[in-house]
C-alpha atoms as a PDB file:
ATOM      1  CA  MET A   1       2.722 -26.004  18.674  1.00  0.00           C
ATOM      2  CA  VAL A   2       0.986 -22.969  17.212  1.00  0.00           C
ATOM      3  CA  THR A   3       3.223 -20.036  16.375  1.00  0.00           C
ATOM      4  CA  PRO A   4       1.746 -16.672  17.363  1.00  0.00           C
ATOM      5  CA  LEU A   5       0.890 -14.363  14.486  1.00  0.00           C
ATOM      6  CA  PRO A   6       3.285 -11.510  13.814  1.00  0.00           C
ATOM      7  CA  LEU A   7       1.702  -8.209  14.863  1.00  0.00           C
ATOM      8  CA  PRO A   8       1.612  -6.772  11.288  1.00  0.00           C
ATOM      9  CA  VAL A   9      -0.289  -9.882  10.098  1.00  0.00           C
ATOM     10  CA  GLU A  10      -2.732  -9.597  12.983  1.00  0.00           C
ATOM     11  CA  ARG A  11      -3.336  -5.930  12.221  1.00  0.00           C
ATOM     12  CA  ALA A  12      -3.830  -6.612   8.511  1.00  0.00           C
ATOM     13  CA  LEU A  13      -6.410  -9.319   9.251  1.00  0.00           C
ATOM     14  CA  ARG A  14      -8.245  -6.945  11.582  1.00  0.00           C
ATOM     15  CA  ARG A  15      -8.272  -4.231   8.886  1.00  0.00           C
ATOM     16  CA  VAL A  16      -9.655  -6.668   6.307  1.00  0.00           C
ATOM     17  CA  GLY A  17     -12.326  -7.730   8.801  1.00  0.00           C
ATOM     18  CA  GLN A  18     -13.237  -4.115   9.472  1.00  0.00           C
ATOM     19  CA  GLY A  19     -13.487  -3.554   5.725  1.00  0.00           C
ATOM     20  CA  ILE A  20     -15.862  -6.515   5.361  1.00  0.00           C
ATOM     21  CA  SER A  21     -17.982  -5.179   8.227  1.00  0.00           C
ATOM     22  CA  LEU A  22     -18.082  -1.689   6.756  1.00  0.00           C
ATOM     23  CA  ALA A  23     -18.973  -2.956   3.266  1.00  0.00           C
ATOM     24  CA  ARG A  24     -21.757  -5.088   4.719  1.00  0.00           C
ATOM     25  CA  ARG A  25     -23.230  -2.244   6.784  1.00  0.00           C
ATOM     26  CA  ARG A  26     -22.997   0.227   3.889  1.00  0.00           C
ATOM     27  CA  ARG A  27     -25.164  -2.171   1.911  1.00  0.00           C
ATOM     28  CA  HIS A  28     -27.623  -2.362   4.831  1.00  0.00           C
ATOM     29  CA  MET A  29     -27.020  -6.083   5.270  1.00  0.00           C
ATOM     30  CA  SER A  30     -27.196  -7.874   8.587  1.00  0.00           C
ATOM     31  CA  GLN A  31     -24.586 -10.474   9.491  1.00  0.00           C
ATOM     32  CA  ASP A  32     -27.336 -13.043   9.095  1.00  0.00           C
ATOM     33  CA  MET A  33     -28.074 -11.860   5.541  1.00  0.00           C
ATOM     34  CA  LEU A  34     -24.406 -11.967   4.557  1.00  0.00           C
ATOM     35  CA  ALA A  35     -23.993 -15.413   6.100  1.00  0.00           C
ATOM     36  CA  GLU A  36     -26.889 -16.715   4.027  1.00  0.00           C
ATOM     37  CA  ARG A  37     -25.540 -15.168   0.813  1.00  0.00           C
ATOM     38  CA  ILE A  38     -22.049 -16.655   1.262  1.00  0.00           C
ATOM     39  CA  GLY A  39     -23.310 -20.037   2.481  1.00  0.00           C
ATOM     40  CA  ALA A  40     -21.759 -19.788   5.936  1.00  0.00           C
ATOM     41  CA  SER A  41     -22.863 -19.422   9.547  1.00  0.00           C
ATOM     42  CA  VAL A  42     -23.330 -16.120  11.355  1.00  0.00           C
ATOM     43  CA  ASN A  43     -20.404 -17.138  13.587  1.00  0.00           C
ATOM     44  CA  THR A  44     -18.210 -17.361  10.483  1.00  0.00           C
ATOM     45  CA  VAL A  45     -19.220 -13.831   9.458  1.00  0.00           C
ATOM     46  CA  ARG A  46     -18.456 -12.605  12.997  1.00  0.00           C
ATOM     47  CA  ARG A  47     -15.028 -14.264  12.943  1.00  0.00           C
ATOM     48  CA  MET A  48     -14.375 -12.829   9.494  1.00  0.00           C
ATOM     49  CA  GLU A  49     -15.236  -9.320  10.682  1.00  0.00           C
ATOM     50  CA  GLU A  50     -13.059  -9.763  13.784  1.00  0.00           C
ATOM     51  CA  GLY A  51     -10.115 -10.728  11.580  1.00  0.00           C
ATOM     52  CA  SER A  52      -9.828 -14.221  13.007  1.00  0.00           C
ATOM     53  CA  PRO A  53      -6.844 -15.984  11.396  1.00  0.00           C
ATOM     54  CA  GLY A  54      -8.681 -19.320  11.211  1.00  0.00           C
ATOM     55  CA  THR A  55     -11.367 -18.074   8.828  1.00  0.00           C
ATOM     56  CA  ALA A  56     -11.172 -19.788   5.448  1.00  0.00           C
ATOM     57  CA  LEU A  57     -10.176 -17.626   2.501  1.00  0.00           C
ATOM     58  CA  GLN A  58     -13.189 -18.895   0.554  1.00  0.00           C
ATOM     59  CA  HIS A  59     -15.507 -16.990   2.913  1.00  0.00           C
ATOM     60  CA  PHE A  60     -13.675 -13.733   2.236  1.00  0.00           C
ATOM     61  CA  ALA A  61     -13.805 -14.457  -1.503  1.00  0.00           C
ATOM     62  CA  ARG A  62     -17.531 -15.157  -1.373  1.00  0.00           C
ATOM     63  CA  ALA A  63     -18.159 -11.961   0.626  1.00  0.00           C
ATOM     64  CA  LEU A  64     -16.178  -9.967  -1.930  1.00  0.00           C
ATOM     65  CA  GLN A  65     -18.283 -11.521  -4.678  1.00  0.00           C
ATOM     66  CA  VAL A  66     -21.488 -10.517  -2.855  1.00  0.00           C
ATOM     67  CA  PHE A  67     -20.155  -6.954  -2.581  1.00  0.00           C
ATOM     68  CA  GLY A  68     -19.146  -6.906  -6.268  1.00  0.00           C
ATOM     69  CA  GLU A  69     -15.478  -6.562  -5.332  1.00  0.00           C
ATOM     70  CA  LEU A  70     -14.038  -9.980  -6.214  1.00  0.00           C
ATOM     71  CA  ASP A  71     -11.534  -8.389  -8.603  1.00  0.00           C
ATOM     72  CA  LYS A  72      -9.772  -6.919  -5.531  1.00  0.00           C
ATOM     73  CA  LEU A  73      -8.813 -10.421  -4.420  1.00  0.00           C
ATOM     74  CA  GLU A  74      -7.298 -11.175  -7.807  1.00  0.00           C
ATOM     75  CA  LEU A  75      -5.078  -8.097  -7.493  1.00  0.00           C
ATOM     76  CA  LEU A  76      -3.506  -9.184  -4.189  1.00  0.00           C
ATOM     77  CA  LEU A  77      -0.444 -10.730  -5.791  1.00  0.00           C
ATOM     78  CA  ASP A  78      -0.622  -9.346  -9.298  1.00  0.00           C
ATOM     79  CA  SER A  79       2.751 -10.386 -10.706  1.00  0.00           C
ATOM     80  CA  SER A  80       2.985  -7.250 -12.835  1.00  0.00           C
ATOM     81  CA  GLN A  81       2.938  -5.201  -9.605  1.00  0.00           C
ATOM     82  CA  ASP A  82       5.460  -7.391  -7.726  1.00  0.00           C
ATOM     83  CA  THR A  83       8.307  -4.875  -7.572  1.00  0.00           C
ATOM     84  CA  VAL A  84      10.601  -7.132  -5.539  1.00  0.00           C
ATOM     85  CA  GLY A  85      10.071 -10.114  -7.852  1.00  0.00           C
ATOM     86  CA  LEU A  86      10.513  -7.997 -10.964  1.00  0.00           C
ATOM     87  CA  THR A  87      13.695  -6.433  -9.583  1.00  0.00           C
ATOM     88  CA  LEU A  88      15.132  -9.864  -8.791  1.00  0.00           C
ATOM     89  CA  MET A  89      14.285 -11.078 -12.302  1.00  0.00           C
ATOM     90  CA  ASP A  90      15.830  -7.970 -13.878  1.00  0.00           C
ATOM     91  CA  GLU A  91      19.082  -8.539 -11.958  1.00  0.00           C
ATOM     92  CA  ASN A  92      19.436 -11.908 -13.698  1.00  0.00           C
ATOM     93  CA  LEU A  93      18.836 -10.655 -17.232  1.00  0.00           C
ATOM     94  CA  PRO A  94      21.733 -11.252 -19.625  1.00  0.00           C
ATOM     95  CA  GLN A  95      23.775  -8.242 -20.707  1.00  0.00           C
ATOM     96  CA  ARG A  96      23.467  -9.295 -24.366  1.00  0.00           C
ATOM     97  CA  VAL A  97      21.329 -11.663 -26.341  1.00  0.00           C
ATOM     98  CA  ARG A  98      22.867 -13.298 -29.383  1.00  0.00           C
ATOM     99  CA  ALA A  99      21.075 -15.089 -32.163  1.00  0.00           C
ATOM    100  CA  PRO A 100      21.419 -18.867 -31.825  1.00  0.00           C
ATOM    101  CA  ARG A 101      23.983 -20.544 -34.060  1.00  0.00           C
ATOM    102  CA  ARG A 102      22.637 -22.437 -36.999  1.00  0.00           C
ATOM    103  CA  THR A 103      23.316 -26.117 -37.123  1.00  0.00           C
ATOM    104  CA  PRO A 104      23.975 -27.987 -40.396  1.00  0.00           C
ATOM    105  CA  GLU A 105      20.463 -29.569 -40.188  1.00  0.00           C
ATOM    106  CA  GLN A 106      18.821 -26.154 -40.218  1.00  0.00           C
ATOM    107  CA  GLY A 107      20.555 -25.220 -43.448  1.00  0.00           C
ATOM    108  CA  ALA A 108      20.859 -21.785 -44.903  1.00  0.00           C
ATOM    109  CA  PHE A 109      17.981 -19.737 -46.252  1.00  0.00           C
END
């Protein structure tokens, strides 16, 4: 059984597809030209631009590389920008940090 996509996910995929289409047209590339450059079929490019959820991520990554925008993909889940994750980590920080006790094997300096 296939679960329907949540509406926000569907909208986001459509926006990404529209962005791919716009980037392609701004560079005066046909769908056929983009398909050749990313090693995919024209149907794949069409599905990508429609925001089809079944389109493999590798095709988006290859298109971004063609457009010179691959770094955008790497920023999607940049851990330094993950405010929720950082907040959760900060909640678990100790109140104090003490130096570890020395054991007899370590000796004194």
